[in-house]
Amino acid sequence: MLTNGARHDAARIATALLCSVIVLLSSAAPSEAKKRQFKKKDCLDCHEEFVEEYFSMNNIHEVVEERKCLDCHLNHGIVGKLLLKKEGNELCHECHSVEELKLDTAGMHTALTEGSCSSCHNPHASNSPNLLSAEGNTICFECHEAEDYKKEVPHDVLMEEGCMECHYAHASPQPNLLKMAETDLCL
């Protein structure tokens, strides 16, 4: 039979051992949990070719530069698909308002009514201003036949300044996306 002092010593030793075990387990548990957690990957960890193609260009879309892929794309994990949050121009209008671009005007560019913003703009990056897929008249001639505008005596403004000197890109209340009435424009 144990004396009261011996029982008291045994209880103290058992309590100390129990406390030591709890401290050891609680300090080991977080590091073990960290080892088992999956590290969340950045989109560009897998899409390395994207970095090579776009991050060397002169003009990078702000959301791309900030690596905010999920502002436009749905997270797809291992599913090898391009998943956009919204279709066509709706996605662009999340940040670029219809009013800001004056797309609430009566005469809209066919590229916008029958196509999409990406008909002319690269949504990721470009070497051209405004993320255009080409510069100057070249962008216009991707849809409009250049030969139709190259007459025997070419219009000087078209050759020197380009289409955008007289036309808006997105919309205009004037016919043919002119910046003002034809007579006023020519004068």
N, C-alpha and C. Protein backbone atom coordinates (compact mmCIF):
# COMPACT_ATOMS: atom_id res chain seq x y z
N MET A 1 0.82 -1.16 0.00
CA MET A 1 0.00 0.00 0.00
C MET A 1 0.88 1.25 0.00
N LEU A 2 0.46 2.26 -0.80
CA LEU A 2 1.23 3.49 -0.93
C LEU A 2 0.82 4.48 0.15
N THR A 3 1.80 5.21 0.60
CA THR A 3 1.52 6.26 1.57
C THR A 3 0.95 7.46 0.84
N ASN A 4 0.40 8.37 1.63
CA ASN A 4 -0.17 9.58 1.03
C ASN A 4 0.89 10.36 0.28
N GLY A 5 2.08 10.45 0.78
CA GLY A 5 3.17 11.18 0.12
C GLY A 5 3.54 10.53 -1.21
N ALA A 6 3.56 9.19 -1.23
CA ALA A 6 3.92 8.46 -2.45
C ALA A 6 2.83 8.64 -3.51
N ARG A 7 1.57 8.59 -3.04
CA ARG A 7 0.46 8.79 -3.98
C ARG A 7 0.53 10.20 -4.57
N HIS A 8 0.83 11.12 -3.72
CA HIS A 8 0.92 12.53 -4.15
C HIS A 8 2.06 12.69 -5.17
N ASP A 9 3.20 12.05 -4.93
CA ASP A 9 4.34 12.11 -5.86
C ASP A 9 3.99 11.43 -7.18
N ALA A 10 3.30 10.31 -7.13
CA ALA A 10 2.90 9.59 -8.34
C ALA A 10 1.92 10.42 -9.17
N ALA A 11 0.99 11.10 -8.49
CA ALA A 11 0.04 11.95 -9.20
C ALA A 11 0.75 13.11 -9.87
N ARG A 12 1.73 13.70 -9.17
CA ARG A 12 2.50 14.80 -9.75
C ARG A 12 3.29 14.33 -10.97
N ILE A 13 3.90 13.18 -10.90
CA ILE A 13 4.69 12.63 -12.02
C ILE A 13 3.75 12.33 -13.20
N ALA A 14 2.59 11.73 -12.93
CA ALA A 14 1.63 11.41 -13.99
C ALA A 14 1.13 12.70 -14.65
N THR A 15 0.85 13.72 -13.84
CA THR A 15 0.39 15.00 -14.37
C THR A 15 1.48 15.63 -15.23
N ALA A 16 2.72 15.60 -14.77
CA ALA A 16 3.85 16.16 -15.53
C ALA A 16 4.03 15.42 -16.84
N LEU A 17 3.93 14.09 -16.80
CA LEU A 17 4.06 13.29 -18.03
C LEU A 17 2.92 13.60 -19.01
N LEU A 18 1.70 13.70 -18.50
CA LEU A 18 0.55 14.02 -19.34
C LEU A 18 0.71 15.39 -19.97
N CYS A 19 1.14 16.38 -19.20
CA CYS A 19 1.37 17.72 -19.74
C CYS A 19 2.46 17.71 -20.80
N SER A 20 3.53 16.96 -20.59
CA SER A 20 4.62 16.85 -21.56
C SER A 20 4.13 16.25 -22.87
N VAL A 21 3.31 15.20 -22.76
CA VAL A 21 2.77 14.54 -23.96
C VAL A 21 1.87 15.52 -24.73
N ILE A 22 1.03 16.27 -24.02
CA ILE A 22 0.13 17.24 -24.66
C ILE A 22 0.95 18.32 -25.37
N VAL A 23 1.98 18.83 -24.71
CA VAL A 23 2.83 19.86 -25.32
C VAL A 23 3.51 19.31 -26.57
N LEU A 24 4.06 18.11 -26.48
CA LEU A 24 4.72 17.50 -27.65
C LEU A 24 3.75 17.29 -28.80
N LEU A 25 2.58 16.77 -28.51
CA LEU A 25 1.59 16.54 -29.57
C LEU A 25 1.10 17.84 -30.18
N SER A 26 0.87 18.85 -29.37
CA SER A 26 0.36 20.11 -29.92
C SER A 26 1.42 20.83 -30.73
N SER A 27 2.69 20.70 -30.38
CA SER A 27 3.73 21.35 -31.18
C SER A 27 4.03 20.58 -32.45
N ALA A 28 3.81 19.30 -32.46
CA ALA A 28 4.08 18.50 -33.66
C ALA A 28 2.90 18.54 -34.62
N ALA A 29 1.70 18.71 -34.12
CA ALA A 29 0.51 18.65 -34.97
C ALA A 29 0.50 19.69 -36.08
N PRO A 30 0.80 20.98 -35.83
CA PRO A 30 0.76 21.95 -36.93
C PRO A 30 1.76 21.64 -38.03
N SER A 31 2.96 21.22 -37.69
CA SER A 31 3.93 20.93 -38.74
C SER A 31 3.51 19.72 -39.55
N GLU A 32 2.92 18.72 -38.88
CA GLU A 32 2.42 17.55 -39.61
C GLU A 32 1.28 17.97 -40.53
N ALA A 33 0.40 18.85 -40.06
CA ALA A 33 -0.74 19.31 -40.86
C ALA A 33 -0.23 20.10 -42.06
N LYS A 34 0.81 20.90 -41.86
CA LYS A 34 1.36 21.68 -42.97
C LYS A 34 1.92 20.76 -44.05
N LYS A 35 2.55 19.68 -43.62
CA LYS A 35 3.12 18.74 -44.58
C LYS A 35 2.04 18.11 -45.45
N ARG A 36 0.86 17.89 -44.86
CA ARG A 36 -0.21 17.21 -45.57
C ARG A 36 -1.06 18.13 -46.44
N GLN A 37 -0.98 19.45 -46.23
CA GLN A 37 -1.80 20.38 -47.00
C GLN A 37 -1.28 20.50 -48.43
N PHE A 38 -2.22 20.68 -49.37
CA PHE A 38 -1.84 20.90 -50.75
C PHE A 38 -1.50 22.38 -50.92
N LYS A 39 -0.45 22.64 -51.65
CA LYS A 39 -0.07 24.02 -51.93
C LYS A 39 -0.91 24.49 -53.11
N LYS A 40 -1.60 25.62 -52.94
CA LYS A 40 -2.42 26.17 -54.02
C LYS A 40 -1.49 26.71 -55.10
N LYS A 41 -1.75 26.30 -56.33
CA LYS A 41 -0.92 26.73 -57.44
C LYS A 41 -1.47 28.01 -58.06
N ASP A 42 -0.55 28.83 -58.55
CA ASP A 42 -0.90 30.01 -59.33
C ASP A 42 -1.17 29.52 -60.75
N CYS A 43 -2.09 30.18 -61.44
CA CYS A 43 -2.42 29.76 -62.81
C CYS A 43 -1.17 29.64 -63.68
N LEU A 44 -0.25 30.59 -63.51
CA LEU A 44 0.92 30.64 -64.37
C LEU A 44 1.97 29.58 -64.02
N ASP A 45 1.76 28.85 -62.92
CA ASP A 45 2.64 27.72 -62.61
C ASP A 45 2.49 26.65 -63.68
N CYS A 46 1.28 26.48 -64.17
CA CYS A 46 1.01 25.48 -65.23
C CYS A 46 1.09 26.09 -66.63
N HIS A 47 0.64 27.34 -66.76
CA HIS A 47 0.57 27.99 -68.07
C HIS A 47 1.84 28.80 -68.33
N GLU A 48 2.96 28.13 -68.35
CA GLU A 48 4.26 28.79 -68.55
C GLU A 48 4.37 29.41 -69.95
N GLU A 49 3.79 28.76 -70.95
CA GLU A 49 3.84 29.28 -72.32
C GLU A 49 3.11 30.62 -72.41
N PHE A 50 2.12 30.83 -71.57
CA PHE A 50 1.38 32.10 -71.51
C PHE A 50 2.32 33.22 -71.10
N VAL A 51 3.12 32.98 -70.10
CA VAL A 51 4.09 33.97 -69.62
C VAL A 51 5.06 34.32 -70.73
N GLU A 52 5.57 33.31 -71.41
CA GLU A 52 6.52 33.54 -72.51
C GLU A 52 5.89 34.37 -73.63
N GLU A 53 4.64 34.08 -73.95
CA GLU A 53 3.99 34.76 -75.07
C GLU A 53 3.59 36.20 -74.75
N TYR A 54 3.03 36.44 -73.57
CA TYR A 54 2.42 37.74 -73.29
C TYR A 54 3.20 38.68 -72.40
N PHE A 55 3.98 38.19 -71.47
CA PHE A 55 4.62 39.08 -70.51
C PHE A 55 5.80 39.86 -71.09
N SER A 56 6.17 39.58 -72.30
CA SER A 56 7.24 40.35 -72.95
C SER A 56 6.68 41.45 -73.86
N MET A 57 5.36 41.53 -73.98
CA MET A 57 4.73 42.53 -74.87
C MET A 57 4.71 43.91 -74.21
N ASN A 58 4.57 44.94 -75.05
CA ASN A 58 4.59 46.33 -74.58
C ASN A 58 3.40 46.69 -73.71
N ASN A 59 2.22 46.20 -74.04
CA ASN A 59 0.99 46.55 -73.33
C ASN A 59 0.35 45.27 -72.80
N ILE A 60 0.31 45.17 -71.49
CA ILE A 60 -0.28 43.99 -70.85
C ILE A 60 -1.56 44.44 -70.14
N HIS A 61 -2.63 43.71 -70.38
CA HIS A 61 -3.90 44.02 -69.72
C HIS A 61 -3.65 44.01 -68.21
N GLU A 62 -4.20 44.99 -67.53
CA GLU A 62 -3.94 45.17 -66.10
C GLU A 62 -4.23 43.91 -65.29
N VAL A 63 -5.36 43.26 -65.55
CA VAL A 63 -5.70 42.06 -64.78
C VAL A 63 -4.70 40.92 -65.04
N VAL A 64 -4.14 40.89 -66.23
CA VAL A 64 -3.14 39.88 -66.56
C VAL A 64 -1.84 40.20 -65.82
N GLU A 65 -1.44 41.45 -65.88
CA GLU A 65 -0.21 41.86 -65.22
C GLU A 65 -0.26 41.61 -63.72
N GLU A 66 -1.44 41.79 -63.15
CA GLU A 66 -1.63 41.56 -61.71
C GLU A 66 -1.93 40.10 -61.40
N ARG A 67 -1.91 39.25 -62.43
CA ARG A 67 -2.14 37.81 -62.31
C ARG A 67 -3.50 37.49 -61.69
N LYS A 68 -4.50 38.23 -62.11
CA LYS A 68 -5.87 38.03 -61.63
C LYS A 68 -6.67 37.25 -62.67
N CYS A 69 -6.17 36.10 -63.03
CA CYS A 69 -6.79 35.27 -64.06
C CYS A 69 -8.25 34.97 -63.74
N LEU A 70 -8.54 34.78 -62.45
CA LEU A 70 -9.88 34.39 -62.04
C LEU A 70 -10.89 35.53 -62.10
N ASP A 71 -10.45 36.73 -62.48
CA ASP A 71 -11.41 37.81 -62.73
C ASP A 71 -12.20 37.52 -64.01
N CYS A 72 -11.59 36.82 -64.95
CA CYS A 72 -12.24 36.50 -66.23
C CYS A 72 -12.50 35.01 -66.41
N HIS A 73 -11.62 34.19 -65.87
CA HIS A 73 -11.70 32.75 -66.06
C HIS A 73 -12.20 32.04 -64.81
N LEU A 74 -12.86 30.91 -65.00
CA LEU A 74 -13.24 30.05 -63.88
C LEU A 74 -12.06 29.15 -63.57
N ASN A 75 -11.89 28.84 -62.32
CA ASN A 75 -10.83 27.94 -61.92
C ASN A 75 -11.18 26.56 -62.46
N HIS A 76 -10.24 25.93 -63.16
CA HIS A 76 -10.58 24.66 -63.80
C HIS A 76 -9.77 23.48 -63.30
N GLY A 77 -8.84 23.70 -62.37
CA GLY A 77 -8.08 22.57 -61.82
C GLY A 77 -7.44 21.74 -62.89
N ILE A 78 -7.73 20.45 -62.88
CA ILE A 78 -7.09 19.56 -63.84
C ILE A 78 -7.86 19.44 -65.16
N VAL A 79 -9.02 20.08 -65.24
CA VAL A 79 -9.81 20.04 -66.47
C VAL A 79 -9.13 20.93 -67.50
N GLY A 80 -8.69 20.37 -68.59
CA GLY A 80 -7.97 21.12 -69.61
C GLY A 80 -8.88 21.89 -70.53
N LYS A 81 -9.54 22.93 -70.05
CA LYS A 81 -10.49 23.69 -70.84
C LYS A 81 -10.33 25.16 -70.56
N LEU A 82 -10.68 25.97 -71.52
CA LEU A 82 -10.73 27.42 -71.32
C LEU A 82 -12.14 27.75 -70.86
N LEU A 83 -12.26 28.18 -69.63
CA LEU A 83 -13.56 28.48 -69.07
C LEU A 83 -13.65 29.96 -68.72
N LEU A 84 -14.51 30.67 -69.42
CA LEU A 84 -14.71 32.09 -69.16
C LEU A 84 -15.92 32.27 -68.24
N LYS A 85 -15.89 33.30 -67.41
CA LYS A 85 -17.00 33.57 -66.49
C LYS A 85 -18.25 34.00 -67.25
N LYS A 86 -18.07 34.75 -68.34
CA LYS A 86 -19.18 35.19 -69.18
C LYS A 86 -18.74 35.08 -70.63
N GLU A 87 -19.70 35.09 -71.52
CA GLU A 87 -19.39 34.94 -72.94
C GLU A 87 -19.25 36.28 -73.64
N GLY A 88 -18.39 36.30 -74.66
CA GLY A 88 -18.25 37.44 -75.56
C GLY A 88 -18.03 38.77 -74.87
N ASN A 89 -18.72 39.79 -75.38
CA ASN A 89 -18.54 41.15 -74.89
C ASN A 89 -19.01 41.34 -73.44
N GLU A 90 -19.90 40.48 -72.96
CA GLU A 90 -20.39 40.60 -71.58
C GLU A 90 -19.23 40.58 -70.59
N LEU A 91 -18.25 39.77 -70.85
CA LEU A 91 -17.10 39.66 -69.96
C LEU A 91 -16.32 40.98 -69.94
N CYS A 92 -16.10 41.57 -71.09
CA CYS A 92 -15.38 42.84 -71.19
C CYS A 92 -16.14 43.95 -70.48
N HIS A 93 -17.48 43.92 -70.60
CA HIS A 93 -18.31 44.98 -70.01
C HIS A 93 -18.39 44.89 -68.48
N GLU A 94 -17.83 43.85 -67.91
CA GLU A 94 -17.74 43.77 -66.44
C GLU A 94 -16.87 44.92 -65.93
N CYS A 95 -15.83 45.27 -66.66
CA CYS A 95 -14.91 46.34 -66.25
C CYS A 95 -15.02 47.57 -67.15
N HIS A 96 -15.22 47.36 -68.44
CA HIS A 96 -15.29 48.45 -69.42
C HIS A 96 -16.76 48.71 -69.76
N SER A 97 -17.32 49.73 -69.15
CA SER A 97 -18.76 49.95 -69.27
C SER A 97 -19.17 50.38 -70.68
N VAL A 98 -20.39 50.05 -71.02
CA VAL A 98 -20.98 50.40 -72.30
C VAL A 98 -20.95 51.93 -72.48
N GLU A 99 -21.26 52.65 -71.42
CA GLU A 99 -21.29 54.12 -71.46
C GLU A 99 -19.88 54.68 -71.67
N GLU A 100 -18.92 54.12 -70.97
CA GLU A 100 -17.53 54.59 -71.07
C GLU A 100 -17.02 54.47 -72.52
N LEU A 101 -17.38 53.39 -73.17
CA LEU A 101 -16.94 53.15 -74.54
C LEU A 101 -17.89 53.75 -75.57
N LYS A 102 -18.94 54.42 -75.10
CA LYS A 102 -19.95 55.05 -75.95
C LYS A 102 -20.65 54.03 -76.85
N LEU A 103 -20.86 52.85 -76.30
CA LEU A 103 -21.52 51.78 -77.06
C LEU A 103 -23.04 51.87 -76.96
N ASP A 104 -23.51 52.90 -76.29
CA ASP A 104 -24.95 53.12 -76.21
C ASP A 104 -25.42 54.05 -77.32
N THR A 105 -24.53 54.30 -78.30
CA THR A 105 -24.82 55.14 -79.46
C THR A 105 -25.52 54.29 -80.52
N ALA A 106 -26.35 54.93 -81.33
CA ALA A 106 -27.15 54.22 -82.33
C ALA A 106 -26.32 53.39 -83.31
N GLY A 107 -25.30 53.99 -83.92
CA GLY A 107 -24.53 53.29 -84.95
C GLY A 107 -23.35 52.54 -84.37
N MET A 108 -23.49 51.23 -84.26
CA MET A 108 -22.42 50.41 -83.70
C MET A 108 -21.61 49.74 -84.80
N HIS A 109 -20.34 49.57 -84.55
CA HIS A 109 -19.44 48.89 -85.46
C HIS A 109 -19.89 47.43 -85.61
N THR A 110 -19.90 46.95 -86.81
CA THR A 110 -20.31 45.57 -87.08
C THR A 110 -19.46 44.58 -86.29
N ALA A 111 -18.20 44.92 -86.08
CA ALA A 111 -17.32 44.03 -85.31
C ALA A 111 -17.88 43.78 -83.91
N LEU A 112 -18.61 44.75 -83.38
CA LEU A 112 -19.19 44.59 -82.04
C LEU A 112 -20.58 43.97 -82.07
N THR A 113 -21.36 44.27 -83.10
CA THR A 113 -22.72 43.73 -83.15
C THR A 113 -22.74 42.28 -83.62
N GLU A 114 -21.83 41.92 -84.50
CA GLU A 114 -21.79 40.55 -85.03
C GLU A 114 -20.60 39.76 -84.52
N GLY A 115 -19.64 40.45 -83.94
CA GLY A 115 -18.45 39.78 -83.45
C GLY A 115 -18.28 40.01 -81.97
N SER A 116 -17.05 40.27 -81.59
CA SER A 116 -16.78 40.52 -80.18
C SER A 116 -15.60 41.48 -80.05
N CYS A 117 -15.40 41.96 -78.85
CA CYS A 117 -14.28 42.88 -78.58
C CYS A 117 -12.96 42.25 -79.03
N SER A 118 -12.87 40.94 -78.85
CA SER A 118 -11.62 40.25 -79.21
C SER A 118 -11.42 40.13 -80.71
N SER A 119 -12.37 40.62 -81.52
CA SER A 119 -12.16 40.69 -82.96
C SER A 119 -11.03 41.67 -83.27
N CYS A 120 -10.92 42.70 -82.44
CA CYS A 120 -9.90 43.73 -82.65
C CYS A 120 -8.88 43.80 -81.51
N HIS A 121 -9.29 43.44 -80.31
CA HIS A 121 -8.43 43.56 -79.13
C HIS A 121 -8.00 42.19 -78.64
N ASN A 122 -6.75 42.10 -78.19
CA ASN A 122 -6.28 40.89 -77.54
C ASN A 122 -6.56 41.06 -76.05
N PRO A 123 -7.30 40.17 -75.44
CA PRO A 123 -7.68 40.36 -74.04
C PRO A 123 -6.53 40.21 -73.04
N HIS A 124 -5.39 39.72 -73.49
CA HIS A 124 -4.27 39.49 -72.58
C HIS A 124 -3.16 40.54 -72.70
N ALA A 125 -2.63 40.70 -73.89
CA ALA A 125 -1.53 41.66 -74.10
C ALA A 125 -1.34 41.90 -75.59
N SER A 126 -0.61 42.97 -75.90
CA SER A 126 -0.36 43.33 -77.29
C SER A 126 0.84 44.27 -77.35
N ASN A 127 1.46 44.31 -78.50
CA ASN A 127 2.52 45.31 -78.71
C ASN A 127 1.92 46.61 -79.23
N SER A 128 0.64 46.59 -79.57
CA SER A 128 -0.06 47.77 -80.07
C SER A 128 -0.81 48.47 -78.93
N PRO A 129 -1.06 49.78 -79.09
CA PRO A 129 -1.82 50.49 -78.06
C PRO A 129 -3.24 49.94 -77.94
N ASN A 130 -3.85 50.14 -76.77
CA ASN A 130 -5.22 49.71 -76.50
C ASN A 130 -5.44 48.21 -76.71
N LEU A 131 -4.38 47.45 -76.58
CA LEU A 131 -4.42 46.00 -76.75
C LEU A 131 -4.96 45.56 -78.11
N LEU A 132 -4.79 46.41 -79.12
CA LEU A 132 -5.24 46.06 -80.48
C LEU A 132 -4.38 44.93 -81.02
N SER A 133 -4.99 44.08 -81.81
CA SER A 133 -4.24 42.94 -82.36
C SER A 133 -3.34 43.35 -83.53
N ALA A 134 -3.50 44.57 -84.02
CA ALA A 134 -2.61 45.11 -85.07
C ALA A 134 -2.63 46.64 -84.94
N GLU A 135 -1.70 47.30 -85.61
CA GLU A 135 -1.61 48.76 -85.50
C GLU A 135 -2.11 49.46 -86.75
N GLY A 136 -2.49 50.72 -86.56
CA GLY A 136 -2.87 51.58 -87.68
C GLY A 136 -4.00 51.01 -88.50
N ASN A 137 -3.92 51.24 -89.81
CA ASN A 137 -4.96 50.76 -90.73
C ASN A 137 -5.00 49.24 -90.82
N THR A 138 -3.92 48.59 -90.44
CA THR A 138 -3.86 47.13 -90.53
C THR A 138 -5.01 46.48 -89.78
N ILE A 139 -5.34 47.03 -88.62
CA ILE A 139 -6.45 46.47 -87.83
C ILE A 139 -7.77 46.57 -88.61
N CYS A 140 -7.97 47.68 -89.30
CA CYS A 140 -9.21 47.88 -90.07
C CYS A 140 -9.24 46.93 -91.27
N PHE A 141 -8.08 46.74 -91.88
CA PHE A 141 -8.01 45.92 -93.08
C PHE A 141 -8.05 44.42 -92.79
N GLU A 142 -8.17 44.06 -91.54
CA GLU A 142 -8.39 42.65 -91.22
C GLU A 142 -9.80 42.23 -91.62
N CYS A 143 -10.73 43.21 -91.65
CA CYS A 143 -12.11 42.94 -92.07
C CYS A 143 -12.48 43.67 -93.36
N HIS A 144 -12.01 44.90 -93.48
CA HIS A 144 -12.33 45.72 -94.66
C HIS A 144 -11.25 45.53 -95.71
N GLU A 145 -11.66 45.32 -96.94
CA GLU A 145 -10.71 45.09 -98.03
C GLU A 145 -9.86 46.33 -98.29
N ALA A 146 -8.57 46.21 -98.13
CA ALA A 146 -7.65 47.33 -98.33
C ALA A 146 -7.74 47.87 -99.76
N GLU A 147 -7.95 47.01 -100.70
CA GLU A 147 -8.01 47.41 -102.11
C GLU A 147 -9.15 48.40 -102.38
N ASP A 148 -10.21 48.30 -101.61
CA ASP A 148 -11.34 49.21 -101.78
C ASP A 148 -10.96 50.65 -101.42
N TYR A 149 -9.89 50.83 -100.66
CA TYR A 149 -9.49 52.16 -100.20
C TYR A 149 -8.20 52.64 -100.85
N LYS A 150 -7.63 51.83 -101.70
CA LYS A 150 -6.41 52.22 -102.41
C LYS A 150 -6.76 52.56 -103.85
N LYS A 151 -7.16 53.78 -104.05
CA LYS A 151 -7.56 54.26 -105.38
C LYS A 151 -6.33 54.74 -106.13
N GLU A 152 -6.57 55.17 -107.38
CA GLU A 152 -5.49 55.71 -108.20
C GLU A 152 -4.87 56.93 -107.52
N VAL A 153 -5.74 57.75 -106.97
CA VAL A 153 -5.27 58.92 -106.21
C VAL A 153 -5.79 58.71 -104.77
N PRO A 154 -4.95 58.20 -103.90
CA PRO A 154 -5.41 57.89 -102.54
C PRO A 154 -5.69 59.16 -101.73
N HIS A 155 -6.60 59.05 -100.83
CA HIS A 155 -6.96 60.14 -99.94
C HIS A 155 -5.79 60.36 -98.99
N ASP A 156 -5.24 61.58 -98.95
CA ASP A 156 -4.05 61.87 -98.14
C ASP A 156 -4.25 61.54 -96.67
N VAL A 157 -5.40 61.89 -96.13
CA VAL A 157 -5.65 61.65 -94.71
C VAL A 157 -5.56 60.16 -94.39
N LEU A 158 -6.11 59.34 -95.26
CA LEU A 158 -6.07 57.90 -95.06
C LEU A 158 -4.63 57.39 -95.06
N MET A 159 -3.83 57.91 -95.99
CA MET A 159 -2.45 57.46 -96.10
C MET A 159 -1.56 57.99 -94.97
N GLU A 160 -1.78 59.23 -94.54
CA GLU A 160 -0.92 59.86 -93.55
C GLU A 160 -1.38 59.62 -92.11
N GLU A 161 -2.66 59.82 -91.86
CA GLU A 161 -3.19 59.75 -90.49
C GLU A 161 -3.84 58.40 -90.18
N GLY A 162 -4.47 57.82 -91.18
CA GLY A 162 -5.13 56.54 -90.97
C GLY A 162 -6.63 56.66 -90.80
N CYS A 163 -7.29 55.54 -90.77
CA CYS A 163 -8.75 55.46 -90.70
C CYS A 163 -9.31 56.18 -89.48
N MET A 164 -8.60 56.09 -88.37
CA MET A 164 -9.11 56.64 -87.10
C MET A 164 -9.13 58.16 -87.06
N GLU A 165 -8.56 58.80 -88.05
CA GLU A 165 -8.62 60.26 -88.12
C GLU A 165 -10.06 60.73 -88.38
N CYS A 166 -10.80 59.95 -89.15
CA CYS A 166 -12.16 60.33 -89.52
C CYS A 166 -13.23 59.43 -88.89
N HIS A 167 -12.87 58.23 -88.49
CA HIS A 167 -13.84 57.25 -88.00
C HIS A 167 -13.59 56.90 -86.53
N TYR A 168 -14.68 56.62 -85.82
CA TYR A 168 -14.60 56.04 -84.48
C TYR A 168 -14.52 54.53 -84.62
N ALA A 169 -13.91 53.90 -83.68
CA ALA A 169 -13.76 52.44 -83.74
C ALA A 169 -15.00 51.69 -83.25
N HIS A 170 -15.68 52.23 -82.24
CA HIS A 170 -16.76 51.48 -81.62
C HIS A 170 -18.15 51.86 -82.10
N ALA A 171 -18.48 53.14 -82.04
CA ALA A 171 -19.84 53.56 -82.40
C ALA A 171 -19.87 55.05 -82.73
N SER A 172 -20.87 55.45 -83.48
CA SER A 172 -21.05 56.85 -83.84
C SER A 172 -22.49 57.08 -84.27
N PRO A 173 -23.03 58.25 -83.96
CA PRO A 173 -24.38 58.54 -84.46
C PRO A 173 -24.37 58.86 -85.95
N GLN A 174 -23.18 59.11 -86.51
CA GLN A 174 -23.04 59.42 -87.94
C GLN A 174 -22.94 58.11 -88.74
N PRO A 175 -23.29 58.14 -90.01
CA PRO A 175 -23.14 56.94 -90.85
C PRO A 175 -21.66 56.56 -90.98
N ASN A 176 -21.41 55.30 -91.16
CA ASN A 176 -20.06 54.76 -91.38
C ASN A 176 -19.09 55.09 -90.24
N LEU A 177 -19.63 55.26 -89.06
CA LEU A 177 -18.82 55.55 -87.86
C LEU A 177 -18.00 56.83 -87.98
N LEU A 178 -18.46 57.77 -88.80
CA LEU A 178 -17.75 59.04 -88.95
C LEU A 178 -17.79 59.83 -87.65
N LYS A 179 -16.75 60.63 -87.41
CA LYS A 179 -16.66 61.41 -86.18
C LYS A 179 -17.61 62.60 -86.18
N MET A 180 -17.96 63.08 -87.37
CA MET A 180 -18.94 64.18 -87.50
C MET A 180 -19.57 64.09 -88.88
N ALA A 181 -20.51 64.93 -89.15
CA ALA A 181 -21.17 64.92 -90.47
C ALA A 181 -20.11 65.02 -91.56
N GLU A 182 -20.33 64.30 -92.64
CA GLU A 182 -19.33 64.19 -93.71
C GLU A 182 -18.83 65.54 -94.22
N THR A 183 -19.73 66.47 -94.50
CA THR A 183 -19.34 67.79 -95.02
C THR A 183 -18.46 68.51 -94.01
N ASP A 184 -18.86 68.52 -92.75
CA ASP A 184 -18.07 69.19 -91.70
C ASP A 184 -16.71 68.53 -91.56
N LEU A 185 -16.68 67.25 -91.65
CA LEU A 185 -15.43 66.50 -91.51
C LEU A 185 -14.45 66.86 -92.63
N CYS A 186 -14.94 66.90 -93.84
CA CYS A 186 -14.07 67.22 -94.99
C CYS A 186 -13.56 68.65 -94.94
N LEU A 187 -14.41 69.55 -94.44
CA LEU A 187 -13.99 70.95 -94.35
C LEU A 187 -13.00 71.13 -93.23
